[in-house]
Amino acid sequence: MNTFLSYLSTAVLFALVLLPALVGAARERRIDRALREAERGRAAKPPGTADAARPVRVTRRPPVRHGAKAQRA
């Protein structure tokens, strides 16, 4: 009986040490699969779709003047 408990405790400790690595590997595979699907979806779209980037309109502000001689509008 003592030998069985020794083997059982060794197996439990091994499982506890190995469990985080297995969970991390499964997570990595899931992320890789999602990235591959996203890349396939990006390659399947034609380049001239509505999702294409539009030019950004930038408005310029007048420069800010600091100091005693600053004029207020």
PDB file of N, CA and C in Angstrom:
ATOM      1  N   MET A   1       0.823  -1.193   0.000  1.00  0.00           N
ATOM      2  CA  MET A   1       0.000   0.000   0.000  1.00  0.00           C
ATOM      3  C   MET A   1       0.865   1.254   0.000  1.00  0.00           C
ATOM      4  N   ASN A   2       1.981   1.202   0.693  1.00  0.00           N
ATOM      5  CA  ASN A   2       2.871   2.348   0.778  1.00  0.00           C
ATOM      6  C   ASN A   2       3.473   2.670  -0.584  1.00  0.00           C
ATOM      7  N   THR A   3       3.796   1.652  -1.365  1.00  0.00           N
ATOM      8  CA  THR A   3       4.351   1.858  -2.697  1.00  0.00           C
ATOM      9  C   THR A   3       3.314   2.511  -3.616  1.00  0.00           C
ATOM     10  N   PHE A   4       2.058   2.069  -3.508  1.00  0.00           N
ATOM     11  CA  PHE A   4       0.995   2.650  -4.331  1.00  0.00           C
ATOM     12  C   PHE A   4       0.829   4.133  -4.027  1.00  0.00           C
ATOM     13  N   LEU A   5       0.840   4.508  -2.749  1.00  0.00           N
ATOM     14  CA  LEU A   5       0.709   5.923  -2.386  1.00  0.00           C
ATOM     15  C   LEU A   5       1.903   6.741  -2.863  1.00  0.00           C
ATOM     16  N   SER A   6       3.058   6.148  -2.864  1.00  0.00           N
ATOM     17  CA  SER A   6       4.247   6.849  -3.370  1.00  0.00           C
ATOM     18  C   SER A   6       4.104   7.122  -4.864  1.00  0.00           C
ATOM     19  N   TYR A   7       3.688   6.104  -5.609  1.00  0.00           N
ATOM     20  CA  TYR A   7       3.478   6.295  -7.047  1.00  0.00           C
ATOM     21  C   TYR A   7       2.364   7.304  -7.311  1.00  0.00           C
ATOM     22  N   LEU A   8       1.297   7.226  -6.544  1.00  0.00           N
ATOM     23  CA  LEU A   8       0.174   8.152  -6.726  1.00  0.00           C
ATOM     24  C   LEU A   8       0.596   9.586  -6.414  1.00  0.00           C
ATOM     25  N   SER A   9       1.327   9.790  -5.333  1.00  0.00           N
ATOM     26  CA  SER A   9       1.763  11.146  -4.998  1.00  0.00           C
ATOM     27  C   SER A   9       2.745  11.683  -6.043  1.00  0.00           C
ATOM     28  N   THR A  10       3.605  10.816  -6.578  1.00  0.00           N
ATOM     29  CA  THR A  10       4.525  11.236  -7.629  1.00  0.00           C
ATOM     30  C   THR A  10       3.754  11.635  -8.890  1.00  0.00           C
ATOM     31  N   ALA A  11       2.739  10.862  -9.238  1.00  0.00           N
ATOM     32  CA  ALA A  11       1.934  11.172 -10.421  1.00  0.00           C
ATOM     33  C   ALA A  11       1.178  12.484 -10.242  1.00  0.00           C
ATOM     34  N   VAL A  12       0.654  12.731  -9.037  1.00  0.00           N
ATOM     35  CA  VAL A  12      -0.080  13.968  -8.773  1.00  0.00           C
ATOM     36  C   VAL A  12       0.861  15.172  -8.848  1.00  0.00           C
ATOM     37  N   LEU A  13       2.025  15.061  -8.255  1.00  0.00           N
ATOM     38  CA  LEU A  13       2.987  16.160  -8.323  1.00  0.00           C
ATOM     39  C   LEU A  13       3.437  16.425  -9.762  1.00  0.00           C
ATOM     40  N   PHE A  14       3.664  15.360 -10.519  1.00  0.00           N
ATOM     41  CA  PHE A  14       4.047  15.513 -11.920  1.00  0.00           C
ATOM     42  C   PHE A  14       2.948  16.223 -12.710  1.00  0.00           C
ATOM     43  N   ALA A  15       1.683  15.845 -12.437  1.00  0.00           N
ATOM     44  CA  ALA A  15       0.559  16.478 -13.126  1.00  0.00           C
ATOM     45  C   ALA A  15       0.451  17.956 -12.750  1.00  0.00           C
ATOM     46  N   LEU A  16       0.674  18.281 -11.483  1.00  0.00           N
ATOM     47  CA  LEU A  16       0.596  19.677 -11.060  1.00  0.00           C
ATOM     48  C   LEU A  16       1.700  20.527 -11.690  1.00  0.00           C
ATOM     49  N   VAL A  17       2.857  19.944 -11.885  1.00  0.00           N
ATOM     50  CA  VAL A  17       3.952  20.673 -12.509  1.00  0.00           C
ATOM     51  C   VAL A  17       3.722  20.811 -14.007  1.00  0.00           C
ATOM     52  N   LEU A  18       3.158  19.797 -14.614  1.00  0.00           N
ATOM     53  CA  LEU A  18       2.977  19.774 -16.068  1.00  0.00           C
ATOM     54  C   LEU A  18       1.734  20.545 -16.523  1.00  0.00           C
ATOM     55  N   LEU A  19       0.752  20.697 -15.650  1.00  0.00           N
ATOM     56  CA  LEU A  19      -0.520  21.314 -16.035  1.00  0.00           C
ATOM     57  C   LEU A  19      -0.374  22.732 -16.591  1.00  0.00           C
ATOM     58  N   PRO A  20       0.363  23.650 -15.968  1.00  0.00           N
ATOM     59  CA  PRO A  20       0.479  25.005 -16.541  1.00  0.00           C
ATOM     60  C   PRO A  20       1.109  25.010 -17.939  1.00  0.00           C
ATOM     61  N   ALA A  21       2.056  24.125 -18.176  1.00  0.00           N
ATOM     62  CA  ALA A  21       2.683  24.063 -19.494  1.00  0.00           C
ATOM     63  C   ALA A  21       1.684  23.596 -20.540  1.00  0.00           C
ATOM     64  N   LEU A  22       0.872  22.614 -20.191  1.00  0.00           N
ATOM     65  CA  LEU A  22      -0.120  22.114 -21.141  1.00  0.00           C
ATOM     66  C   LEU A  22      -1.201  23.159 -21.421  1.00  0.00           C
ATOM     67  N   VAL A  23      -1.609  23.871 -20.405  1.00  0.00           N
ATOM     68  CA  VAL A  23      -2.611  24.930 -20.595  1.00  0.00           C
ATOM     69  C   VAL A  23      -2.036  26.038 -21.478  1.00  0.00           C
ATOM     70  N   GLY A  24      -0.784  26.409 -21.250  1.00  0.00           N
ATOM     71  CA  GLY A  24      -0.142  27.440 -22.070  1.00  0.00           C
ATOM     72  C   GLY A  24       0.010  27.019 -23.515  1.00  0.00           C
ATOM     73  N   ALA A  25       0.347  25.749 -23.743  1.00  0.00           N
ATOM     74  CA  ALA A  25       0.480  25.256 -25.113  1.00  0.00           C
ATOM     75  C   ALA A  25      -0.863  25.267 -25.829  1.00  0.00           C
ATOM     76  N   ALA A  26      -1.918  24.877 -25.120  1.00  0.00           N
ATOM     77  CA  ALA A  26      -3.249  24.895 -25.732  1.00  0.00           C
ATOM     78  C   ALA A  26      -3.663  26.330 -26.068  1.00  0.00           C
ATOM     79  N   ARG A  27      -3.339  27.259 -25.190  1.00  0.00           N
ATOM     80  CA  ARG A  27      -3.673  28.667 -25.449  1.00  0.00           C
ATOM     81  C   ARG A  27      -2.913  29.194 -26.658  1.00  0.00           C
ATOM     82  N   GLU A  28      -1.628  28.866 -26.756  1.00  0.00           N
ATOM     83  CA  GLU A  28      -0.819  29.291 -27.904  1.00  0.00           C
ATOM     84  C   GLU A  28      -1.383  28.743 -29.211  1.00  0.00           C
ATOM     85  N   ARG A  29      -1.794  27.492 -29.211  1.00  0.00           N
ATOM     86  CA  ARG A  29      -2.370  26.906 -30.431  1.00  0.00           C
ATOM     87  C   ARG A  29      -3.646  27.626 -30.830  1.00  0.00           C
ATOM     88  N   ARG A  30      -4.483  27.977 -29.820  1.00  0.00           N
ATOM     89  CA  ARG A  30      -5.724  28.677 -30.121  1.00  0.00           C
ATOM     90  C   ARG A  30      -5.436  30.057 -30.701  1.00  0.00           C
ATOM     91  N   ILE A  31      -4.457  30.761 -30.157  1.00  0.00           N
ATOM     92  CA  ILE A  31      -4.097  32.088 -30.670  1.00  0.00           C
ATOM     93  C   ILE A  31      -3.528  31.976 -32.080  1.00  0.00           C
ATOM     94  N   ASP A  32      -2.665  30.991 -32.317  1.00  0.00           N
ATOM     95  CA  ASP A  32      -2.107  30.796 -33.658  1.00  0.00           C
ATOM     96  C   ASP A  32      -3.198  30.502 -34.678  1.00  0.00           C
ATOM     97  N   ARG A  33      -4.166  29.696 -34.285  1.00  0.00           N
ATOM     98  CA  ARG A  33      -5.271  29.373 -35.186  1.00  0.00           C
ATOM     99  C   ARG A  33      -6.077  30.627 -35.515  1.00  0.00           C
ATOM    100  N   ALA A  34      -6.341  31.467 -34.523  1.00  0.00           N
ATOM    101  CA  ALA A  34      -7.091  32.701 -34.758  1.00  0.00           C
ATOM    102  C   ALA A  34      -6.314  33.648 -35.667  1.00  0.00           C
ATOM    103  N   LEU A  35      -5.002  33.735 -35.477  1.00  0.00           N
ATOM    104  CA  LEU A  35      -4.189  34.598 -36.338  1.00  0.00           C
ATOM    105  C   LEU A  35      -4.167  34.096 -37.781  1.00  0.00           C
ATOM    106  N   ARG A  36      -4.074  32.783 -37.960  1.00  0.00           N
ATOM    107  CA  ARG A  36      -4.106  32.236 -39.332  1.00  0.00           C
ATOM    108  C   ARG A  36      -5.432  32.523 -40.013  1.00  0.00           C
ATOM    109  N   GLU A  37      -6.546  32.362 -39.279  1.00  0.00           N
ATOM    110  CA  GLU A  37      -7.857  32.649 -39.868  1.00  0.00           C
ATOM    111  C   GLU A  37      -7.991  34.130 -40.222  1.00  0.00           C
ATOM    112  N   ALA A  38      -7.479  34.989 -39.375  1.00  0.00           N
ATOM    113  CA  ALA A  38      -7.546  36.430 -39.655  1.00  0.00           C
ATOM    114  C   ALA A  38      -6.705  36.778 -40.878  1.00  0.00           C
ATOM    115  N   GLU A  39      -5.544  36.150 -41.008  1.00  0.00           N
ATOM    116  CA  GLU A  39      -4.691  36.418 -42.166  1.00  0.00           C
ATOM    117  C   GLU A  39      -5.349  35.923 -43.449  1.00  0.00           C
ATOM    118  N   ARG A  40      -5.994  34.772 -43.393  1.00  0.00           N
ATOM    119  CA  ARG A  40      -6.712  34.279 -44.577  1.00  0.00           C
ATOM    120  C   ARG A  40      -7.857  35.214 -44.953  1.00  0.00           C
ATOM    121  N   GLY A  41      -8.552  35.721 -43.958  1.00  0.00           N
ATOM    122  CA  GLY A  41      -9.656  36.647 -44.218  1.00  0.00           C
ATOM    123  C   GLY A  41      -9.168  37.943 -44.826  1.00  0.00           C
ATOM    124  N   ARG A  42      -8.004  38.409 -44.400  1.00  0.00           N
ATOM    125  CA  ARG A  42      -7.444  39.640 -44.948  1.00  0.00           C
ATOM    126  C   ARG A  42      -7.003  39.428 -46.383  1.00  0.00           C
ATOM    127  N   ALA A  43      -6.438  38.268 -46.683  1.00  0.00           N
ATOM    128  CA  ALA A  43      -5.960  37.998 -48.038  1.00  0.00           C
ATOM    129  C   ALA A  43      -7.121  37.772 -49.000  1.00  0.00           C
ATOM    130  N   ALA A  44      -8.278  37.334 -48.503  1.00  0.00           N
ATOM    131  CA  ALA A  44      -9.410  37.041 -49.370  1.00  0.00           C
ATOM    132  C   ALA A  44     -10.135  38.303 -49.826  1.00  0.00           C
ATOM    133  N   LYS A  45     -10.029  39.399 -49.081  1.00  0.00           N
ATOM    134  CA  LYS A  45     -10.732  40.629 -49.448  1.00  0.00           C
ATOM    135  C   LYS A  45     -10.009  41.336 -50.589  1.00  0.00           C
ATOM    136  N   PRO A  46     -10.760  41.867 -51.549  1.00  0.00           N
ATOM    137  CA  PRO A  46     -10.112  42.675 -52.588  1.00  0.00           C
ATOM    138  C   PRO A  46      -9.617  43.993 -51.989  1.00  0.00           C
ATOM    139  N   PRO A  47      -8.550  44.559 -52.544  1.00  0.00           N
ATOM    140  CA  PRO A  47      -7.947  45.745 -51.924  1.00  0.00           C
ATOM    141  C   PRO A  47      -8.800  46.998 -51.978  1.00  0.00           C
ATOM    142  N   GLY A  48      -9.778  47.122 -52.853  1.00  0.00           N
ATOM    143  CA  GLY A  48     -10.546  48.351 -52.994  1.00  0.00           C
ATOM    144  C   GLY A  48     -11.845  48.357 -52.230  1.00  0.00           C
ATOM    145  N   THR A  49     -11.969  47.665 -51.146  1.00  0.00           N
ATOM    146  CA  THR A  49     -13.228  47.593 -50.410  1.00  0.00           C
ATOM    147  C   THR A  49     -13.419  48.818 -49.532  1.00  0.00           C
ATOM    148  N   ALA A  50     -14.560  48.877 -48.883  1.00  0.00           N
ATOM    149  CA  ALA A  50     -14.882  50.009 -48.020  1.00  0.00           C
ATOM    150  C   ALA A  50     -14.023  50.020 -46.769  1.00  0.00           C
ATOM    151  N   ASP A  51     -13.385  48.901 -46.464  1.00  0.00           N
ATOM    152  CA  ASP A  51     -12.534  48.835 -45.281  1.00  0.00           C
ATOM    153  C   ASP A  51     -11.163  49.459 -45.525  1.00  0.00           C
ATOM    154  N   ALA A  52     -10.905  49.864 -46.757  1.00  0.00           N
ATOM    155  CA  ALA A  52      -9.597  50.430 -47.066  1.00  0.00           C
ATOM    156  C   ALA A  52      -9.395  51.728 -46.291  1.00  0.00           C
ATOM    157  N   ALA A  53      -8.169  52.044 -46.009  1.00  0.00           N
ATOM    158  CA  ALA A  53      -7.860  53.233 -45.223  1.00  0.00           C
ATOM    159  C   ALA A  53      -8.190  54.493 -46.018  1.00  0.00           C
ATOM    160  N   ARG A  54      -8.773  55.426 -45.348  1.00  0.00           N
ATOM    161  CA  ARG A  54      -9.097  56.706 -45.967  1.00  0.00           C
ATOM    162  C   ARG A  54      -8.091  57.740 -45.484  1.00  0.00           C
ATOM    163  N   PRO A  55      -7.806  58.747 -46.298  1.00  0.00           N
ATOM    164  CA  PRO A  55      -6.879  59.773 -45.836  1.00  0.00           C
ATOM    165  C   PRO A  55      -7.471  60.520 -44.642  1.00  0.00           C
ATOM    166  N   VAL A  56      -6.627  60.841 -43.715  1.00  0.00           N
ATOM    167  CA  VAL A  56      -7.062  61.532 -42.506  1.00  0.00           C
ATOM    168  C   VAL A  56      -6.903  63.025 -42.719  1.00  0.00           C
ATOM    169  N   ARG A  57      -7.933  63.763 -42.371  1.00  0.00           N
ATOM    170  CA  ARG A  57      -7.893  65.206 -42.518  1.00  0.00           C
ATOM    171  C   ARG A  57      -7.388  65.808 -41.220  1.00  0.00           C
ATOM    172  N   VAL A  58      -6.319  66.550 -41.317  1.00  0.00           N
ATOM    173  CA  VAL A  58      -5.725  67.153 -40.130  1.00  0.00           C
ATOM    174  C   VAL A  58      -5.954  68.652 -40.184  1.00  0.00           C
ATOM    175  N   THR A  59      -6.496  69.192 -39.114  1.00  0.00           N
ATOM    176  CA  THR A  59      -6.674  70.637 -39.040  1.00  0.00           C
ATOM    177  C   THR A  59      -5.530  71.212 -38.234  1.00  0.00           C
ATOM    178  N   ARG A  60      -5.004  72.314 -38.694  1.00  0.00           N
ATOM    179  CA  ARG A  60      -3.868  72.936 -38.012  1.00  0.00           C
ATOM    180  C   ARG A  60      -4.386  73.999 -37.068  1.00  0.00           C
ATOM    181  N   ARG A  61      -3.823  74.030 -35.909  1.00  0.00           N
ATOM    182  CA  ARG A  61      -4.169  75.053 -34.936  1.00  0.00           C
ATOM    183  C   ARG A  61      -3.132  76.162 -35.012  1.00  0.00           C
ATOM    184  N   PRO A  62      -3.559  77.368 -34.689  1.00  0.00           N
ATOM    185  CA  PRO A  62      -2.560  78.447 -34.654  1.00  0.00           C
ATOM    186  C   PRO A  62      -1.578  78.179 -33.525  1.00  0.00           C
ATOM    187  N   PRO A  63      -0.357  78.630 -33.673  1.00  0.00           N
ATOM    188  CA  PRO A  63       0.635  78.377 -32.625  1.00  0.00           C
ATOM    189  C   PRO A  63       0.247  79.075 -31.327  1.00  0.00           C
ATOM    190  N   VAL A  64       0.561  78.458 -30.227  1.00  0.00           N
ATOM    191  CA  VAL A  64       0.254  79.020 -28.914  1.00  0.00           C
ATOM    192  C   VAL A  64       1.416  79.903 -28.488  1.00  0.00           C
ATOM    193  N   ARG A  65       1.074  81.125 -28.080  1.00  0.00           N
ATOM    194  CA  ARG A  65       2.111  82.050 -27.640  1.00  0.00           C
ATOM    195  C   ARG A  65       2.069  82.148 -26.124  1.00  0.00           C
ATOM    196  N   HIS A  66       3.224  82.066 -25.527  1.00  0.00           N
ATOM    197  CA  HIS A  66       3.336  82.151 -24.081  1.00  0.00           C
ATOM    198  C   HIS A  66       4.063  83.438 -23.708  1.00  0.00           C
ATOM    199  N   GLY A  67       3.811  83.905 -22.535  1.00  0.00           N
ATOM    200  CA  GLY A  67       4.544  85.055 -22.045  1.00  0.00           C
ATOM    201  C   GLY A  67       3.659  86.268 -21.857  1.00  0.00           C
ATOM    202  N   ALA A  68       4.280  87.390 -21.454  1.00  0.00           N
ATOM    203  CA  ALA A  68       3.538  88.605 -21.146  1.00  0.00           C
ATOM    204  C   ALA A  68       3.032  89.300 -22.396  1.00  0.00           C
ATOM    205  N   LYS A  69       3.697  89.107 -23.530  1.00  0.00           N
ATOM    206  CA  LYS A  69       3.316  89.830 -24.749  1.00  0.00           C
ATOM    207  C   LYS A  69       2.332  89.054 -25.591  1.00  0.00           C
ATOM    208  N   ALA A  70       1.731  88.003 -25.043  1.00  0.00           N
ATOM    209  CA  ALA A  70       0.799  87.193 -25.814  1.00  0.00           C
ATOM    210  C   ALA A  70      -0.466  87.993 -26.103  1.00  0.00           C
ATOM    211  N   GLN A  71      -0.912  87.948 -27.351  1.00  0.00           N
ATOM    212  CA  GLN A  71      -2.108  88.664 -27.754  1.00  0.00           C
ATOM    213  C   GLN A  71      -3.300  87.707 -27.634  1.00  0.00           C
ATOM    214  N   ARG A  72      -4.390  88.245 -27.160  1.00  0.00           N
ATOM    215  CA  ARG A  72      -5.595  87.425 -27.056  1.00  0.00           C
ATOM    216  C   ARG A  72      -6.554  87.831 -28.154  1.00  0.00           C
ATOM    217  N   ALA A  73      -7.169  86.832 -28.759  1.00  0.00           N
ATOM    218  CA  ALA A  73      -8.088  87.098 -29.869  1.00  0.00           C
ATOM    219  C   ALA A  73      -9.487  87.314 -29.368  1.00  0.00           C
TER     220      ALA A  73
END
